[in-house]
């Protein structure tokens, strides 16, 4: 277990599914108080109950649409009402595994889908950080971890709107780190590799994830649990002098 997270209050957006669920359970296991925030309210309620039953940690389920500023403000208000503070924000919510998207080339991307991708994956990041920063500034402490993607480091044929949004996460992280360093707030990014995060994955998805092994030093499929340790590290006192960085956790695909 990574020390220093007991009784810390963490908000995990997109916490109701896949990798977000793994983050929530990981924080619960470390003794943190977990706000499971997701647009899918039944899923967030389910994960919050899992945190309570599997880790004995306190949790709160919150429905949030990260693309709506008022909704992100309400998310933080509910967290403060329940726990009195917010120490950590994990910006995990994004259009990817649980929301259908066009995986084709640039000519097949509908402009409305492009706008929706940017609205959730980038504007959502912007709104969530703006919502949580007042309390972190008041505390003179805080950890923000933004979830990017290994595709932003290497490029990817297809899904150009998704890859562009995740590249934006890296620039956002570097800039915000410079803006809030004087407030003792750390801002870092995590770039996962291709991860088998889907619930009940189809044979096509399993085949696609397996095909990525040829580019990877560690020849196995990446799972959500492979990302949890790094997220906990970036949220803990062990990373107190680390900010503005992007950490690739991909089994050895991208070397930064």
C-alpha atoms as a PDB file:
ATOM      1  CA  UNK A   1       0.000   0.000   0.000  1.00  0.00           C
ATOM      2  CA  UNK A   2       1.206   3.533  -0.790  1.00  0.00           C
ATOM      3  CA  UNK A   3       1.372   5.568   2.420  1.00  0.00           C
ATOM      4  CA  UNK A   4      -0.110   8.999   2.930  1.00  0.00           C
ATOM      5  CA  UNK A   5      -3.549   8.557   1.356  1.00  0.00           C
ATOM      6  CA  UNK A   6      -5.527   7.562   4.434  1.00  0.00           C
ATOM      7  CA  UNK A   7      -8.472   9.932   4.972  1.00  0.00           C
ATOM      8  CA  UNK A   8      -7.593  11.974   1.884  1.00  0.00           C
ATOM      9  CA  UNK A   9     -10.654  12.924  -0.169  1.00  0.00           C
ATOM     10  CA  UNK A  10     -10.439  12.002  -3.843  1.00  0.00           C
ATOM     11  CA  UNK A  11     -12.842  12.673  -6.704  1.00  0.00           C
ATOM     12  CA  UNK A  12     -12.601  10.197  -9.578  1.00  0.00           C
ATOM     13  CA  UNK A  13     -14.550  11.271 -12.655  1.00  0.00           C
ATOM     14  CA  UNK A  14     -15.667   8.427 -14.891  1.00  0.00           C
ATOM     15  CA  UNK A  15     -15.408   6.280 -11.771  1.00  0.00           C
ATOM     16  CA  UNK A  16     -18.333   4.039 -12.597  1.00  0.00           C
ATOM     17  CA  UNK A  17     -16.665   1.895 -15.246  1.00  0.00           C
ATOM     18  CA  UNK A  18     -13.458   0.160 -16.286  1.00  0.00           C
ATOM     19  CA  UNK A  19     -10.248   1.894 -15.330  1.00  0.00           C
ATOM     20  CA  UNK A  20     -12.095   4.516 -13.266  1.00  0.00           C
ATOM     21  CA  UNK A  21     -13.602   1.763 -11.138  1.00  0.00           C
ATOM     22  CA  UNK A  22     -10.125   0.312 -10.592  1.00  0.00           C
ATOM     23  CA  UNK A  23      -8.883   3.726  -9.436  1.00  0.00           C
ATOM     24  CA  UNK A  24     -11.780   4.041  -6.976  1.00  0.00           C
ATOM     25  CA  UNK A  25     -11.124   0.619  -5.458  1.00  0.00           C
ATOM     26  CA  UNK A  26      -7.399   1.365  -5.294  1.00  0.00           C
ATOM     27  CA  UNK A  27      -7.958   4.597  -3.386  1.00  0.00           C
ATOM     28  CA  UNK A  28     -10.422   2.861  -1.097  1.00  0.00           C
ATOM     29  CA  UNK A  29      -7.845   0.196  -0.358  1.00  0.00           C
ATOM     30  CA  UNK A  30      -5.365   2.946   0.560  1.00  0.00           C
ATOM     31  CA  UNK A  31      -7.829   4.373   3.078  1.00  0.00           C
ATOM     32  CA  UNK A  32      -8.983   7.404   1.096  1.00  0.00           C
ATOM     33  CA  UNK A  33     -12.514   8.755   1.050  1.00  0.00           C
ATOM     34  CA  UNK A  34     -13.726   8.246  -2.503  1.00  0.00           C
ATOM     35  CA  UNK A  35     -16.176  10.342  -4.530  1.00  0.00           C
ATOM     36  CA  UNK A  36     -17.287   8.161  -7.435  1.00  0.00           C
ATOM     37  CA  UNK A  37     -18.429  10.634 -10.098  1.00  0.00           C
ATOM     38  CA  UNK A  38     -19.983   9.447 -13.350  1.00  0.00           C
ATOM     39  CA  UNK A  39     -22.666  10.450 -15.824  1.00  0.00           C
ATOM     40  CA  UNK A  40     -23.985   6.885 -15.435  1.00  0.00           C
ATOM     41  CA  UNK A  41     -25.547   7.220 -11.982  1.00  0.00           C
ATOM     42  CA  UNK A  42     -26.424   3.523 -11.442  1.00  0.00           C
ATOM     43  CA  UNK A  43     -22.811   2.603 -12.244  1.00  0.00           C
ATOM     44  CA  UNK A  44     -21.413   5.183  -9.808  1.00  0.00           C
ATOM     45  CA  UNK A  45     -23.756   3.945  -7.077  1.00  0.00           C
ATOM     46  CA  UNK A  46     -22.626   0.366  -7.687  1.00  0.00           C
ATOM     47  CA  UNK A  47     -18.927   1.244  -7.500  1.00  0.00           C
ATOM     48  CA  UNK A  48     -19.423   3.347  -4.367  1.00  0.00           C
ATOM     49  CA  UNK A  49     -21.017   0.307  -2.711  1.00  0.00           C
ATOM     50  CA  UNK A  50     -18.080  -1.827  -3.864  1.00  0.00           C
ATOM     51  CA  UNK A  51     -15.648   0.621  -2.285  1.00  0.00           C
ATOM     52  CA  UNK A  52     -17.564   0.426   0.986  1.00  0.00           C
ATOM     53  CA  UNK A  53     -17.827  -3.356   1.026  1.00  0.00           C
ATOM     54  CA  UNK A  54     -14.409  -4.301  -0.353  1.00  0.00           C
ATOM     55  CA  UNK A  55     -12.226  -1.725   1.374  1.00  0.00           C
ATOM     56  CA  UNK A  56     -14.217  -0.437   4.364  1.00  0.00           C
ATOM     57  CA  UNK A  57     -13.505   3.092   3.089  1.00  0.00           C
ATOM     58  CA  UNK A  58     -16.105   5.845   2.955  1.00  0.00           C
ATOM     59  CA  UNK A  59     -17.494   6.698  -0.445  1.00  0.00           C
ATOM     60  CA  UNK A  60     -19.991   8.977  -2.139  1.00  0.00           C
ATOM     61  CA  UNK A  61     -21.735   8.497  -5.468  1.00  0.00           C
ATOM     62  CA  UNK A  62     -22.283  11.632  -7.554  1.00  0.00           C
ATOM     63  CA  UNK A  63     -23.885  11.974 -10.961  1.00  0.00           C
ATOM     64  CA  UNK A  64     -21.894  14.418 -13.098  1.00  0.00           C
ATOM     65  CA  UNK A  65     -21.736  15.556 -16.690  1.00  0.00           C
ATOM     66  CA  UNK A  66     -18.199  16.908 -16.952  1.00  0.00           C
ATOM     67  CA  UNK A  67     -19.111  18.826 -20.118  1.00  0.00           C
ATOM     68  CA  UNK A  68     -21.521  20.934 -18.040  1.00  0.00           C
ATOM     69  CA  UNK A  69     -19.868  23.512 -15.778  1.00  0.00           C
ATOM     70  CA  UNK A  70     -22.751  23.707 -13.317  1.00  0.00           C
ATOM     71  CA  UNK A  71     -22.693  19.927 -12.943  1.00  0.00           C
ATOM     72  CA  UNK A  72     -18.979  19.918 -12.070  1.00  0.00           C
ATOM     73  CA  UNK A  73     -19.512  22.700  -9.532  1.00  0.00           C
ATOM     74  CA  UNK A  74     -22.283  20.642  -7.934  1.00  0.00           C
ATOM     75  CA  UNK A  75     -19.990  17.594  -7.852  1.00  0.00           C
ATOM     76  CA  UNK A  76     -17.438  19.497  -5.790  1.00  0.00           C
ATOM     77  CA  UNK A  77     -20.109  21.038  -3.556  1.00  0.00           C
ATOM     78  CA  UNK A  78     -21.487  17.602  -2.703  1.00  0.00           C
ATOM     79  CA  UNK A  79     -17.986  16.321  -1.950  1.00  0.00           C
ATOM     80  CA  UNK A  80     -17.339  19.271   0.374  1.00  0.00           C
ATOM     81  CA  UNK A  81     -20.705  18.880   2.077  1.00  0.00           C
ATOM     82  CA  UNK A  82     -19.963  15.217   2.795  1.00  0.00           C
ATOM     83  CA  UNK A  83     -16.244  15.241   3.558  1.00  0.00           C
ATOM     84  CA  UNK A  84     -15.300  18.879   4.176  1.00  0.00           C
ATOM     85  CA  UNK A  85     -12.395  18.998   1.726  1.00  0.00           C
ATOM     86  CA  UNK A  86     -11.074  17.741  -1.604  1.00  0.00           C
ATOM     87  CA  UNK A  87      -7.423  16.682  -1.691  1.00  0.00           C
ATOM     88  CA  UNK A  88      -7.203  14.868  -5.036  1.00  0.00           C
ATOM     89  CA  UNK A  89      -8.910  15.078  -8.430  1.00  0.00           C
ATOM     90  CA  UNK A  90      -8.529  12.293 -10.973  1.00  0.00           C
ATOM     91  CA  UNK A  91      -9.747  13.565 -14.350  1.00  0.00           C
ATOM     92  CA  UNK A  92     -10.579  10.211 -15.890  1.00  0.00           C
ATOM     93  CA  UNK A  93     -13.958  10.833 -17.568  1.00  0.00           C
ATOM     94  CA  UNK A  94     -13.693  10.683 -21.345  1.00  0.00           C
ATOM     95  CA  UNK A  95     -15.357   9.422 -24.477  1.00  0.00           C
ATOM     96  CA  UNK A  96     -13.644   6.117 -25.162  1.00  0.00           C
ATOM     97  CA  UNK A  97     -14.430   2.603 -23.959  1.00  0.00           C
ATOM     98  CA  UNK A  98     -17.987   2.948 -22.669  1.00  0.00           C
ATOM     99  CA  UNK A  99     -19.223   5.511 -25.233  1.00  0.00           C
ATOM    100  CA  UNK A 100     -19.276   4.600 -28.937  1.00  0.00           C
ATOM    101  CA  UNK A 101     -17.013   6.626 -31.183  1.00  0.00           C
ATOM    102  CA  UNK A 102     -15.870   6.584 -34.783  1.00  0.00           C
ATOM    103  CA  UNK A 103     -12.530   4.790 -35.000  1.00  0.00           C
ATOM    104  CA  UNK A 104     -12.056   5.591 -38.685  1.00  0.00           C
ATOM    105  CA  UNK A 105      -9.859   8.070 -40.537  1.00  0.00           C
ATOM    106  CA  UNK A 106     -10.130  11.833 -40.763  1.00  0.00           C
ATOM    107  CA  UNK A 107     -12.546  11.771 -43.702  1.00  0.00           C
ATOM    108  CA  UNK A 108     -15.089   9.737 -41.743  1.00  0.00           C
ATOM    109  CA  UNK A 109     -15.222  11.911 -38.605  1.00  0.00           C
ATOM    110  CA  UNK A 110     -18.465  13.856 -38.280  1.00  0.00           C
ATOM    111  CA  UNK A 111     -17.875  17.473 -37.122  1.00  0.00           C
ATOM    112  CA  UNK A 112     -20.517  17.075 -34.419  1.00  0.00           C
ATOM    113  CA  UNK A 113     -18.668  14.033 -33.058  1.00  0.00           C
ATOM    114  CA  UNK A 114     -15.423  16.034 -33.104  1.00  0.00           C
ATOM    115  CA  UNK A 115     -17.085  18.771 -31.033  1.00  0.00           C
ATOM    116  CA  UNK A 116     -18.553  16.262 -28.579  1.00  0.00           C
ATOM    117  CA  UNK A 117     -15.140  14.632 -28.129  1.00  0.00           C
ATOM    118  CA  UNK A 118     -13.502  17.966 -27.306  1.00  0.00           C
ATOM    119  CA  UNK A 119     -16.395  18.963 -25.068  1.00  0.00           C
ATOM    120  CA  UNK A 120     -16.015  15.910 -22.834  1.00  0.00           C
ATOM    121  CA  UNK A 121     -12.310  15.116 -23.069  1.00  0.00           C
ATOM    122  CA  UNK A 122     -10.946  18.673 -22.897  1.00  0.00           C
ATOM    123  CA  UNK A 123     -13.643  21.081 -21.791  1.00  0.00           C
ATOM    124  CA  UNK A 124     -14.619  18.557 -19.104  1.00  0.00           C
ATOM    125  CA  UNK A 125     -11.051  18.648 -17.804  1.00  0.00           C
ATOM    126  CA  UNK A 126     -11.178  22.454 -17.778  1.00  0.00           C
ATOM    127  CA  UNK A 127     -14.484  22.549 -15.880  1.00  0.00           C
ATOM    128  CA  UNK A 128     -13.473  19.956 -13.275  1.00  0.00           C
ATOM    129  CA  UNK A 129     -10.200  21.713 -12.485  1.00  0.00           C
ATOM    130  CA  UNK A 130     -11.915  25.089 -12.221  1.00  0.00           C
ATOM    131  CA  UNK A 131     -14.468  23.578  -9.861  1.00  0.00           C
ATOM    132  CA  UNK A 132     -11.926  22.068  -7.482  1.00  0.00           C
ATOM    133  CA  UNK A 133      -9.192  24.727  -7.507  1.00  0.00           C
ATOM    134  CA  UNK A 134     -10.830  27.203  -5.079  1.00  0.00           C
ATOM    135  CA  UNK A 135     -10.832  24.674  -2.247  1.00  0.00           C
ATOM    136  CA  UNK A 136      -7.337  23.414  -3.098  1.00  0.00           C
ATOM    137  CA  UNK A 137      -6.012  26.987  -3.158  1.00  0.00           C
ATOM    138  CA  UNK A 138      -7.622  27.659   0.197  1.00  0.00           C
ATOM    139  CA  UNK A 139      -6.003  24.519   1.617  1.00  0.00           C
ATOM    140  CA  UNK A 140      -2.673  25.394  -0.035  1.00  0.00           C
ATOM    141  CA  UNK A 141      -2.446  21.782  -1.180  1.00  0.00           C
ATOM    142  CA  UNK A 142      -3.863  19.444  -3.780  1.00  0.00           C
ATOM    143  CA  UNK A 143      -3.110  16.787  -6.361  1.00  0.00           C
ATOM    144  CA  UNK A 144      -4.606  16.724  -9.846  1.00  0.00           C
ATOM    145  CA  UNK A 145      -3.997  13.759 -12.142  1.00  0.00           C
ATOM    146  CA  UNK A 146      -5.209  14.114 -15.728  1.00  0.00           C
ATOM    147  CA  UNK A 147      -5.615  10.954 -17.787  1.00  0.00           C
ATOM    148  CA  UNK A 148      -4.136  11.290 -21.268  1.00  0.00           C
ATOM    149  CA  UNK A 149      -3.338   8.350 -23.577  1.00  0.00           C
ATOM    150  CA  UNK A 150      -0.375   6.630 -25.120  1.00  0.00           C
ATOM    151  CA  UNK A 151      -1.925   7.452 -28.504  1.00  0.00           C
ATOM    152  CA  UNK A 152      -1.083  11.105 -27.840  1.00  0.00           C
ATOM    153  CA  UNK A 153       2.596  10.171 -27.631  1.00  0.00           C
ATOM    154  CA  UNK A 154       2.804   7.921 -30.675  1.00  0.00           C
ATOM    155  CA  UNK A 155      -0.098   8.942 -32.868  1.00  0.00           C
ATOM    156  CA  UNK A 156      -2.679   6.470 -34.095  1.00  0.00           C
ATOM    157  CA  UNK A 157      -4.164   5.773 -37.493  1.00  0.00           C
ATOM    158  CA  UNK A 158      -7.836   6.515 -36.911  1.00  0.00           C
ATOM    159  CA  UNK A 159      -9.661   8.229 -34.039  1.00  0.00           C
ATOM    160  CA  UNK A 160      -7.916  11.514 -34.781  1.00  0.00           C
ATOM    161  CA  UNK A 161     -10.431  13.426 -32.655  1.00  0.00           C
ATOM    162  CA  UNK A 162      -9.754  11.212 -29.639  1.00  0.00           C
ATOM    163  CA  UNK A 163      -5.967  11.352 -30.070  1.00  0.00           C
ATOM    164  CA  UNK A 164      -6.051  15.135 -30.499  1.00  0.00           C
ATOM    165  CA  UNK A 165      -8.092  15.543 -27.329  1.00  0.00           C
ATOM    166  CA  UNK A 166      -5.654  13.403 -25.356  1.00  0.00           C
ATOM    167  CA  UNK A 167      -2.684  15.362 -26.700  1.00  0.00           C
ATOM    168  CA  UNK A 168      -4.461  18.469 -25.446  1.00  0.00           C
ATOM    169  CA  UNK A 169      -4.536  16.940 -21.964  1.00  0.00           C
ATOM    170  CA  UNK A 170      -0.727  17.002 -21.893  1.00  0.00           C
ATOM    171  CA  UNK A 171      -0.522  20.682 -22.837  1.00  0.00           C
ATOM    172  CA  UNK A 172      -3.258  21.514 -20.352  1.00  0.00           C
ATOM    173  CA  UNK A 173      -1.361  19.676 -17.606  1.00  0.00           C
ATOM    174  CA  UNK A 174       1.911  21.497 -18.240  1.00  0.00           C
ATOM    175  CA  UNK A 175       0.235  24.899 -18.293  1.00  0.00           C
ATOM    176  CA  UNK A 176      -1.916  24.373 -15.198  1.00  0.00           C
ATOM    177  CA  UNK A 177       1.103  23.071 -13.263  1.00  0.00           C
ATOM    178  CA  UNK A 178       2.825  26.424 -13.858  1.00  0.00           C
ATOM    179  CA  UNK A 179      -0.289  28.370 -12.863  1.00  0.00           C
ATOM    180  CA  UNK A 180      -0.932  26.658  -9.523  1.00  0.00           C
ATOM    181  CA  UNK A 181       2.540  25.706  -8.289  1.00  0.00           C
ATOM    182  CA  UNK A 182       2.636  28.700  -5.931  1.00  0.00           C
ATOM    183  CA  UNK A 183      -0.456  27.258  -4.247  1.00  0.00           C
ATOM    184  CA  UNK A 184       1.377  23.962  -3.580  1.00  0.00           C
ATOM    185  CA  UNK A 185      -0.866  22.097  -6.023  1.00  0.00           C
ATOM    186  CA  UNK A 186       0.661  19.319  -8.125  1.00  0.00           C
ATOM    187  CA  UNK A 187      -0.685  18.639 -11.625  1.00  0.00           C
ATOM    188  CA  UNK A 188       0.514  15.600 -13.555  1.00  0.00           C
ATOM    189  CA  UNK A 189      -0.746  13.386 -16.373  1.00  0.00           C
ATOM    190  CA  UNK A 190      -0.872   9.646 -16.877  1.00  0.00           C
ATOM    191  CA  UNK A 191      -0.724   8.182 -20.390  1.00  0.00           C
ATOM    192  CA  UNK A 192      -2.025   4.597 -20.348  1.00  0.00           C
ATOM    193  CA  UNK A 193      -1.251   2.161 -23.117  1.00  0.00           C
ATOM    194  CA  UNK A 194      -3.926   0.095 -24.835  1.00  0.00           C
ATOM    195  CA  UNK A 195      -5.832  -1.342 -21.861  1.00  0.00           C
ATOM    196  CA  UNK A 196      -8.449  -4.061 -21.732  1.00  0.00           C
ATOM    197  CA  UNK A 197     -10.826  -1.842 -19.785  1.00  0.00           C
ATOM    198  CA  UNK A 198     -14.132  -2.820 -21.382  1.00  0.00           C
ATOM    199  CA  UNK A 199     -16.630  -4.756 -19.318  1.00  0.00           C
ATOM    200  CA  UNK A 200     -17.575  -8.003 -21.089  1.00  0.00           C
ATOM    201  CA  UNK A 201     -15.259  -7.266 -24.044  1.00  0.00           C
ATOM    202  CA  UNK A 202     -16.120  -8.661 -27.452  1.00  0.00           C
ATOM    203  CA  UNK A 203     -13.775 -10.990 -29.315  1.00  0.00           C
ATOM    204  CA  UNK A 204     -12.957  -8.074 -31.628  1.00  0.00           C
ATOM    205  CA  UNK A 205     -11.856  -5.908 -28.686  1.00  0.00           C
ATOM    206  CA  UNK A 206      -9.759  -8.715 -27.175  1.00  0.00           C
ATOM    207  CA  UNK A 207      -8.098  -9.286 -30.546  1.00  0.00           C
ATOM    208  CA  UNK A 208      -7.407  -5.564 -30.948  1.00  0.00           C
ATOM    209  CA  UNK A 209      -5.808  -5.289 -27.504  1.00  0.00           C
ATOM    210  CA  UNK A 210      -3.736  -8.403 -28.122  1.00  0.00           C
ATOM    211  CA  UNK A 211      -2.448  -7.016 -31.412  1.00  0.00           C
ATOM    212  CA  UNK A 212      -0.703  -4.207 -29.503  1.00  0.00           C
ATOM    213  CA  UNK A 213       1.706  -6.695 -27.902  1.00  0.00           C
ATOM    214  CA  UNK A 214       4.095  -6.496 -30.862  1.00  0.00           C
ATOM    215  CA  UNK A 215       4.992  -2.885 -29.927  1.00  0.00           C
ATOM    216  CA  UNK A 216       5.281  -3.561 -26.202  1.00  0.00           C
ATOM    217  CA  UNK A 217       8.374  -4.615 -24.242  1.00  0.00           C
ATOM    218  CA  UNK A 218       6.236  -6.528 -21.738  1.00  0.00           C
ATOM    219  CA  UNK A 219       4.361  -9.088 -23.808  1.00  0.00           C
ATOM    220  CA  UNK A 220       0.980  -9.246 -22.141  1.00  0.00           C
ATOM    221  CA  UNK A 221      -2.341  -7.439 -22.292  1.00  0.00           C
ATOM    222  CA  UNK A 222      -2.526  -4.337 -20.107  1.00  0.00           C
ATOM    223  CA  UNK A 223      -5.267  -4.372 -17.455  1.00  0.00           C
ATOM    224  CA  UNK A 224      -6.806  -1.559 -15.365  1.00  0.00           C
ATOM    225  CA  UNK A 225      -4.938  -2.757 -12.247  1.00  0.00           C
ATOM    226  CA  UNK A 226      -1.646  -1.979 -14.028  1.00  0.00           C
ATOM    227  CA  UNK A 227      -2.454   1.742 -13.810  1.00  0.00           C
ATOM    228  CA  UNK A 228      -3.579   1.962 -10.204  1.00  0.00           C
ATOM    229  CA  UNK A 229      -0.142   2.097  -8.566  1.00  0.00           C
ATOM    230  CA  UNK A 230       0.960   5.073 -10.662  1.00  0.00           C
ATOM    231  CA  UNK A 231      -2.252   6.991  -9.982  1.00  0.00           C
ATOM    232  CA  UNK A 232      -1.856   6.394  -6.250  1.00  0.00           C
ATOM    233  CA  UNK A 233       1.796   7.484  -6.422  1.00  0.00           C
ATOM    234  CA  UNK A 234       0.931  10.707  -8.272  1.00  0.00           C
ATOM    235  CA  UNK A 235      -1.744  11.405  -5.648  1.00  0.00           C
ATOM    236  CA  UNK A 236       0.444  10.687  -2.612  1.00  0.00           C
ATOM    237  CA  UNK A 237       3.158  12.595  -0.715  1.00  0.00           C
ATOM    238  CA  UNK A 238       5.737  10.470  -2.560  1.00  0.00           C
ATOM    239  CA  UNK A 239       5.279  12.732  -5.608  1.00  0.00           C
ATOM    240  CA  UNK A 240       5.224  16.066  -3.749  1.00  0.00           C
ATOM    241  CA  UNK A 241       8.099  17.513  -5.813  1.00  0.00           C
ATOM    242  CA  UNK A 242       6.788  16.304  -9.150  1.00  0.00           C
ATOM    243  CA  UNK A 243       4.522  18.434 -11.316  1.00  0.00           C
ATOM    244  CA  UNK A 244       3.802  19.155 -14.975  1.00  0.00           C
ATOM    245  CA  UNK A 245       4.933  15.662 -15.963  1.00  0.00           C
ATOM    246  CA  UNK A 246       3.409  12.966 -18.148  1.00  0.00           C
ATOM    247  CA  UNK A 247       4.027   9.376 -17.079  1.00  0.00           C
ATOM    248  CA  UNK A 248       3.536   6.633 -19.663  1.00  0.00           C
ATOM    249  CA  UNK A 249       2.323   3.320 -18.245  1.00  0.00           C
ATOM    250  CA  UNK A 250       2.130   1.117 -21.313  1.00  0.00           C
ATOM    251  CA  UNK A 251       4.410  -1.870 -20.769  1.00  0.00           C
ATOM    252  CA  UNK A 252       7.197  -0.205 -22.718  1.00  0.00           C
ATOM    253  CA  UNK A 253       5.817   1.312 -25.917  1.00  0.00           C
ATOM    254  CA  UNK A 254       6.614   5.014 -25.605  1.00  0.00           C
ATOM    255  CA  UNK A 255       9.962   6.066 -24.147  1.00  0.00           C
ATOM    256  CA  UNK A 256       9.783   9.677 -22.899  1.00  0.00           C
END
